[in-house]
Amino acid sequence: MSMNETKLKLFKKLIEAKLSELTQEDTLGRESQSVVTLDQQSVGRLSRMDALQSQAMAKAQQGRRDILAQRLRAALARLDSGDFGECEDCGEWIAPKRLEFDPAATKCISCASG
């Protein structure tokens, strides 16, 4: 049982909206990833450590956003090829509720948890 055209269009809009959100978050996160100035005259040691930690967290968040964006672009490619919603392991259809939660999912719940 494949998905109907209307449902596929809804998933495409959902994926594109999530990609747009990631792009906006990327723009906001770039400032947090900027080089930390280590001028001891203007910033104390603890403040510099704080800034370095914030920078590291921003870079980690950027890495997670990059991976999610890659998964979402792959989901769009599956939509275009007609493979969207089909489990890559067993070939069964992934539950629509699962895809609503994570449109980049490539496995049904049975295969993902087994």
N, C-alpha and C. Protein backbone atom coordinates (compact mmCIF):
# COMPACT_ATOMS: atom_id res chain seq x y z
N MET A 1 0.84 -1.18 0.00
CA MET A 1 0.00 0.00 0.00
C MET A 1 0.89 1.25 0.00
N SER A 2 0.98 1.92 -1.09
CA SER A 2 1.79 3.13 -1.17
C SER A 2 0.99 4.34 -0.71
N MET A 3 1.67 5.45 -0.54
CA MET A 3 1.01 6.68 -0.09
C MET A 3 0.39 7.38 -1.28
N ASN A 4 -0.70 8.09 -1.01
CA ASN A 4 -1.33 8.84 -2.09
C ASN A 4 -0.57 10.14 -2.34
N GLU A 5 -0.87 10.75 -3.47
CA GLU A 5 -0.17 11.96 -3.90
C GLU A 5 -0.32 13.11 -2.91
N THR A 6 -1.50 13.24 -2.32
CA THR A 6 -1.75 14.32 -1.36
C THR A 6 -0.85 14.16 -0.14
N LYS A 7 -0.75 12.95 0.37
CA LYS A 7 0.09 12.69 1.55
C LYS A 7 1.56 12.96 1.22
N LEU A 8 1.98 12.56 0.02
CA LEU A 8 3.37 12.79 -0.39
C LEU A 8 3.67 14.29 -0.48
N LYS A 9 2.73 15.07 -0.99
CA LYS A 9 2.92 16.53 -1.07
C LYS A 9 3.02 17.14 0.32
N LEU A 10 2.23 16.62 1.26
CA LEU A 10 2.32 17.11 2.65
C LEU A 10 3.68 16.82 3.25
N PHE A 11 4.20 15.61 3.00
CA PHE A 11 5.52 15.27 3.51
C PHE A 11 6.60 16.14 2.87
N LYS A 12 6.44 16.43 1.59
CA LYS A 12 7.42 17.29 0.92
C LYS A 12 7.43 18.68 1.55
N LYS A 13 6.25 19.23 1.83
CA LYS A 13 6.16 20.55 2.47
C LYS A 13 6.77 20.50 3.87
N LEU A 14 6.50 19.42 4.61
CA LEU A 14 7.06 19.27 5.95
C LEU A 14 8.58 19.23 5.91
N ILE A 15 9.14 18.47 4.99
CA ILE A 15 10.59 18.35 4.86
C ILE A 15 11.20 19.70 4.46
N GLU A 16 10.58 20.37 3.49
CA GLU A 16 11.10 21.67 3.07
C GLU A 16 11.03 22.70 4.19
N ALA A 17 9.97 22.64 5.00
CA ALA A 17 9.86 23.56 6.15
C ALA A 17 10.97 23.29 7.16
N LYS A 18 11.25 22.01 7.42
CA LYS A 18 12.32 21.67 8.37
C LYS A 18 13.68 22.12 7.84
N LEU A 19 13.90 21.97 6.54
CA LEU A 19 15.16 22.44 5.95
C LEU A 19 15.28 23.96 6.06
N SER A 20 14.18 24.65 5.87
CA SER A 20 14.18 26.11 6.00
C SER A 20 14.52 26.52 7.44
N GLU A 21 13.94 25.83 8.41
CA GLU A 21 14.24 26.11 9.81
C GLU A 21 15.72 25.90 10.10
N LEU A 22 16.29 24.82 9.56
CA LEU A 22 17.71 24.54 9.77
C LEU A 22 18.58 25.64 9.18
N THR A 23 18.18 26.14 8.02
CA THR A 23 18.94 27.22 7.39
C THR A 23 18.92 28.47 8.26
N GLN A 24 17.75 28.77 8.83
CA GLN A 24 17.65 29.93 9.72
C GLN A 24 18.50 29.73 10.98
N GLU A 25 18.47 28.52 11.54
CA GLU A 25 19.29 28.23 12.72
C GLU A 25 20.77 28.33 12.38
N ASP A 26 21.16 27.90 11.18
CA ASP A 26 22.56 27.99 10.75
C ASP A 26 23.01 29.45 10.75
N THR A 27 22.18 30.31 10.24
CA THR A 27 22.51 31.73 10.18
C THR A 27 22.72 32.29 11.59
N LEU A 28 21.83 31.93 12.50
CA LEU A 28 21.96 32.41 13.88
C LEU A 28 23.18 31.79 14.58
N GLY A 29 23.49 30.54 14.28
CA GLY A 29 24.57 29.84 14.95
C GLY A 29 25.96 30.23 14.48
N ARG A 30 26.07 30.82 13.30
CA ARG A 30 27.39 31.18 12.77
C ARG A 30 28.14 32.16 13.68
N GLU A 31 27.42 33.10 14.28
CA GLU A 31 28.06 34.09 15.15
C GLU A 31 28.65 33.40 16.39
N SER A 32 27.97 32.38 16.90
CA SER A 32 28.45 31.67 18.09
C SER A 32 29.69 30.85 17.80
N GLN A 33 29.93 30.56 16.53
CA GLN A 33 31.08 29.73 16.16
C GLN A 33 32.30 30.55 15.80
N SER A 34 32.17 31.87 15.85
CA SER A 34 33.28 32.72 15.44
C SER A 34 34.49 32.52 16.35
N VAL A 35 35.64 32.93 15.88
CA VAL A 35 36.89 32.77 16.61
C VAL A 35 36.83 33.54 17.92
N VAL A 36 37.27 32.88 18.98
CA VAL A 36 37.28 33.49 20.30
C VAL A 36 38.60 34.25 20.48
N THR A 37 38.51 35.53 20.81
CA THR A 37 39.69 36.35 21.03
C THR A 37 40.26 36.05 22.41
N LEU A 38 41.54 35.81 22.47
CA LEU A 38 42.19 35.46 23.73
C LEU A 38 43.01 36.63 24.28
N ASP A 39 42.46 37.80 24.26
CA ASP A 39 43.12 38.99 24.78
C ASP A 39 42.95 39.04 26.29
N GLN A 40 44.02 38.79 27.03
CA GLN A 40 43.94 38.74 28.49
C GLN A 40 43.67 40.10 29.11
N GLN A 41 43.93 41.15 28.38
CA GLN A 41 43.70 42.48 28.91
C GLN A 41 42.21 42.82 28.96
N SER A 42 41.44 42.30 27.98
CA SER A 42 40.03 42.69 27.91
C SER A 42 39.08 41.64 28.48
N VAL A 43 39.52 40.38 28.54
CA VAL A 43 38.64 39.32 29.00
C VAL A 43 39.38 38.44 30.01
N GLY A 44 38.73 38.14 31.10
CA GLY A 44 39.35 37.30 32.11
C GLY A 44 39.42 35.85 31.67
N ARG A 45 40.22 35.05 32.40
CA ARG A 45 40.44 33.65 32.05
C ARG A 45 39.14 32.85 32.05
N LEU A 46 38.29 33.05 33.06
CA LEU A 46 37.03 32.30 33.12
C LEU A 46 36.09 32.70 32.00
N SER A 47 36.07 33.96 31.66
CA SER A 47 35.23 34.42 30.55
C SER A 47 35.69 33.80 29.23
N ARG A 48 37.02 33.71 29.05
CA ARG A 48 37.54 33.09 27.83
C ARG A 48 37.16 31.61 27.79
N MET A 49 37.27 30.92 28.93
CA MET A 49 36.90 29.50 28.99
C MET A 49 35.42 29.33 28.66
N ASP A 50 34.62 30.23 29.19
CA ASP A 50 33.18 30.22 28.90
C ASP A 50 32.93 30.41 27.41
N ALA A 51 33.63 31.36 26.82
CA ALA A 51 33.47 31.64 25.39
C ALA A 51 33.91 30.44 24.55
N LEU A 52 35.00 29.80 24.94
CA LEU A 52 35.48 28.62 24.20
C LEU A 52 34.48 27.47 24.33
N GLN A 53 33.91 27.30 25.49
CA GLN A 53 32.91 26.25 25.68
C GLN A 53 31.67 26.53 24.84
N SER A 54 31.22 27.76 24.83
CA SER A 54 30.06 28.14 24.01
C SER A 54 30.33 27.91 22.54
N GLN A 55 31.55 28.23 22.12
CA GLN A 55 31.93 28.02 20.73
C GLN A 55 31.91 26.52 20.39
N ALA A 56 32.43 25.70 21.27
CA ALA A 56 32.44 24.24 21.04
C ALA A 56 31.02 23.69 20.96
N MET A 57 30.14 24.19 21.84
CA MET A 57 28.74 23.73 21.80
C MET A 57 28.07 24.17 20.51
N ALA A 58 28.36 25.38 20.06
CA ALA A 58 27.77 25.87 18.81
C ALA A 58 28.24 25.03 17.62
N LYS A 59 29.51 24.64 17.63
CA LYS A 59 30.04 23.80 16.55
C LYS A 59 29.40 22.41 16.58
N ALA A 60 29.17 21.86 17.76
CA ALA A 60 28.51 20.56 17.88
C ALA A 60 27.07 20.63 17.37
N GLN A 61 26.38 21.71 17.72
CA GLN A 61 25.01 21.90 17.24
C GLN A 61 25.00 22.03 15.72
N GLN A 62 25.98 22.72 15.17
CA GLN A 62 26.08 22.86 13.72
C GLN A 62 26.27 21.49 13.07
N GLY A 63 27.08 20.65 13.67
CA GLY A 63 27.29 19.30 13.15
C GLY A 63 25.99 18.50 13.13
N ARG A 64 25.21 18.61 14.19
CA ARG A 64 23.92 17.91 14.25
C ARG A 64 22.96 18.46 13.18
N ARG A 65 22.96 19.78 13.01
CA ARG A 65 22.09 20.38 11.98
C ARG A 65 22.51 19.92 10.59
N ASP A 66 23.82 19.84 10.35
CA ASP A 66 24.32 19.38 9.04
C ASP A 66 23.86 17.96 8.75
N ILE A 67 23.94 17.08 9.75
CA ILE A 67 23.52 15.69 9.56
C ILE A 67 22.02 15.61 9.30
N LEU A 68 21.24 16.37 10.07
CA LEU A 68 19.79 16.37 9.86
C LEU A 68 19.44 16.90 8.48
N ALA A 69 20.10 17.97 8.05
CA ALA A 69 19.83 18.54 6.72
C ALA A 69 20.16 17.51 5.63
N GLN A 70 21.24 16.78 5.81
CA GLN A 70 21.63 15.74 4.85
C GLN A 70 20.56 14.64 4.80
N ARG A 71 20.05 14.23 5.96
CA ARG A 71 19.00 13.21 6.01
C ARG A 71 17.72 13.71 5.36
N LEU A 72 17.38 14.99 5.58
CA LEU A 72 16.17 15.55 4.99
C LEU A 72 16.29 15.68 3.47
N ARG A 73 17.48 16.06 2.99
CA ARG A 73 17.68 16.13 1.53
C ARG A 73 17.58 14.73 0.91
N ALA A 74 18.06 13.72 1.63
CA ALA A 74 17.93 12.34 1.15
C ALA A 74 16.46 11.93 1.11
N ALA A 75 15.67 12.39 2.08
CA ALA A 75 14.23 12.09 2.09
C ALA A 75 13.55 12.73 0.89
N LEU A 76 13.95 13.96 0.54
CA LEU A 76 13.40 14.61 -0.66
C LEU A 76 13.75 13.81 -1.91
N ALA A 77 14.96 13.29 -1.96
CA ALA A 77 15.37 12.47 -3.12
C ALA A 77 14.52 11.20 -3.19
N ARG A 78 14.22 10.60 -2.02
CA ARG A 78 13.37 9.40 -2.00
C ARG A 78 11.95 9.74 -2.45
N LEU A 79 11.48 10.94 -2.09
CA LEU A 79 10.17 11.39 -2.57
C LEU A 79 10.16 11.46 -4.09
N ASP A 80 11.21 12.04 -4.66
CA ASP A 80 11.29 12.19 -6.11
C ASP A 80 11.41 10.84 -6.83
N SER A 81 12.09 9.89 -6.20
CA SER A 81 12.29 8.59 -6.84
C SER A 81 11.15 7.61 -6.58
N GLY A 82 10.24 7.98 -5.66
CA GLY A 82 9.12 7.09 -5.36
C GLY A 82 9.39 6.08 -4.27
N ASP A 83 10.53 6.21 -3.59
CA ASP A 83 10.89 5.27 -2.53
C ASP A 83 10.56 5.78 -1.13
N PHE A 84 10.02 6.98 -1.04
CA PHE A 84 9.75 7.57 0.27
C PHE A 84 8.71 6.75 1.02
N GLY A 85 9.01 6.48 2.29
CA GLY A 85 8.07 5.76 3.14
C GLY A 85 8.25 4.26 3.15
N GLU A 86 9.18 3.78 2.35
CA GLU A 86 9.44 2.34 2.28
C GLU A 86 10.67 2.02 3.13
N CYS A 87 10.55 1.02 4.01
CA CYS A 87 11.66 0.63 4.88
C CYS A 87 12.81 0.10 4.04
N GLU A 88 14.01 0.62 4.31
CA GLU A 88 15.18 0.20 3.55
C GLU A 88 15.63 -1.23 3.90
N ASP A 89 15.17 -1.76 5.03
CA ASP A 89 15.55 -3.12 5.41
C ASP A 89 14.56 -4.17 4.92
N CYS A 90 13.30 -4.02 5.30
CA CYS A 90 12.31 -5.08 5.02
C CYS A 90 11.40 -4.77 3.84
N GLY A 91 11.36 -3.52 3.38
CA GLY A 91 10.53 -3.16 2.25
C GLY A 91 9.08 -2.84 2.61
N GLU A 92 8.72 -2.99 3.88
CA GLU A 92 7.35 -2.64 4.32
C GLU A 92 7.24 -1.13 4.38
N TRP A 93 5.99 -0.64 4.47
CA TRP A 93 5.76 0.79 4.55
C TRP A 93 5.95 1.29 5.97
N ILE A 94 6.61 2.41 6.10
CA ILE A 94 6.82 3.05 7.40
C ILE A 94 5.52 3.74 7.79
N ALA A 95 5.13 3.60 9.05
CA ALA A 95 3.88 4.20 9.53
C ALA A 95 3.89 5.71 9.30
N PRO A 96 2.80 6.26 8.76
CA PRO A 96 2.74 7.71 8.50
C PRO A 96 3.00 8.55 9.76
N LYS A 97 2.55 8.09 10.93
CA LYS A 97 2.80 8.85 12.17
C LYS A 97 4.31 8.93 12.45
N ARG A 98 5.03 7.85 12.16
CA ARG A 98 6.48 7.86 12.35
C ARG A 98 7.13 8.88 11.40
N LEU A 99 6.64 8.90 10.16
CA LEU A 99 7.19 9.84 9.18
C LEU A 99 6.83 11.28 9.51
N GLU A 100 5.67 11.49 10.12
CA GLU A 100 5.31 12.84 10.55
C GLU A 100 6.26 13.33 11.63
N PHE A 101 6.62 12.41 12.54
CA PHE A 101 7.56 12.74 13.61
C PHE A 101 8.96 12.95 13.05
N ASP A 102 9.39 12.03 12.17
CA ASP A 102 10.73 12.10 11.58
C ASP A 102 10.63 11.76 10.09
N PRO A 103 10.41 12.77 9.25
CA PRO A 103 10.25 12.50 7.82
C PRO A 103 11.51 11.96 7.16
N ALA A 104 12.63 11.99 7.85
CA ALA A 104 13.88 11.45 7.30
C ALA A 104 14.07 9.98 7.65
N ALA A 105 13.11 9.39 8.38
CA ALA A 105 13.22 7.99 8.79
C ALA A 105 13.32 7.09 7.55
N THR A 106 14.21 6.11 7.63
CA THR A 106 14.39 5.18 6.51
C THR A 106 14.01 3.75 6.87
N LYS A 107 13.63 3.56 8.14
CA LYS A 107 13.27 2.20 8.59
C LYS A 107 11.95 2.22 9.34
N CYS A 108 11.20 1.13 9.20
CA CYS A 108 9.97 0.98 9.97
C CYS A 108 10.38 0.80 11.44
N ILE A 109 9.42 0.90 12.32
CA ILE A 109 9.73 0.82 13.76
C ILE A 109 10.30 -0.55 14.13
N SER A 110 9.84 -1.60 13.49
CA SER A 110 10.35 -2.96 13.79
C SER A 110 11.82 -3.08 13.45
N CYS A 111 12.19 -2.63 12.27
CA CYS A 111 13.59 -2.73 11.85
C CYS A 111 14.48 -1.75 12.63
N ALA A 112 13.95 -0.58 12.94
CA ALA A 112 14.74 0.42 13.67
C ALA A 112 15.03 -0.04 15.10
N SER A 113 14.10 -0.76 15.69
CA SER A 113 14.30 -1.18 17.09
C SER A 113 14.91 -2.58 17.19
N GLY A 114 15.01 -3.28 16.08
CA GLY A 114 15.55 -4.65 16.12
C GLY A 114 16.92 -4.72 15.66
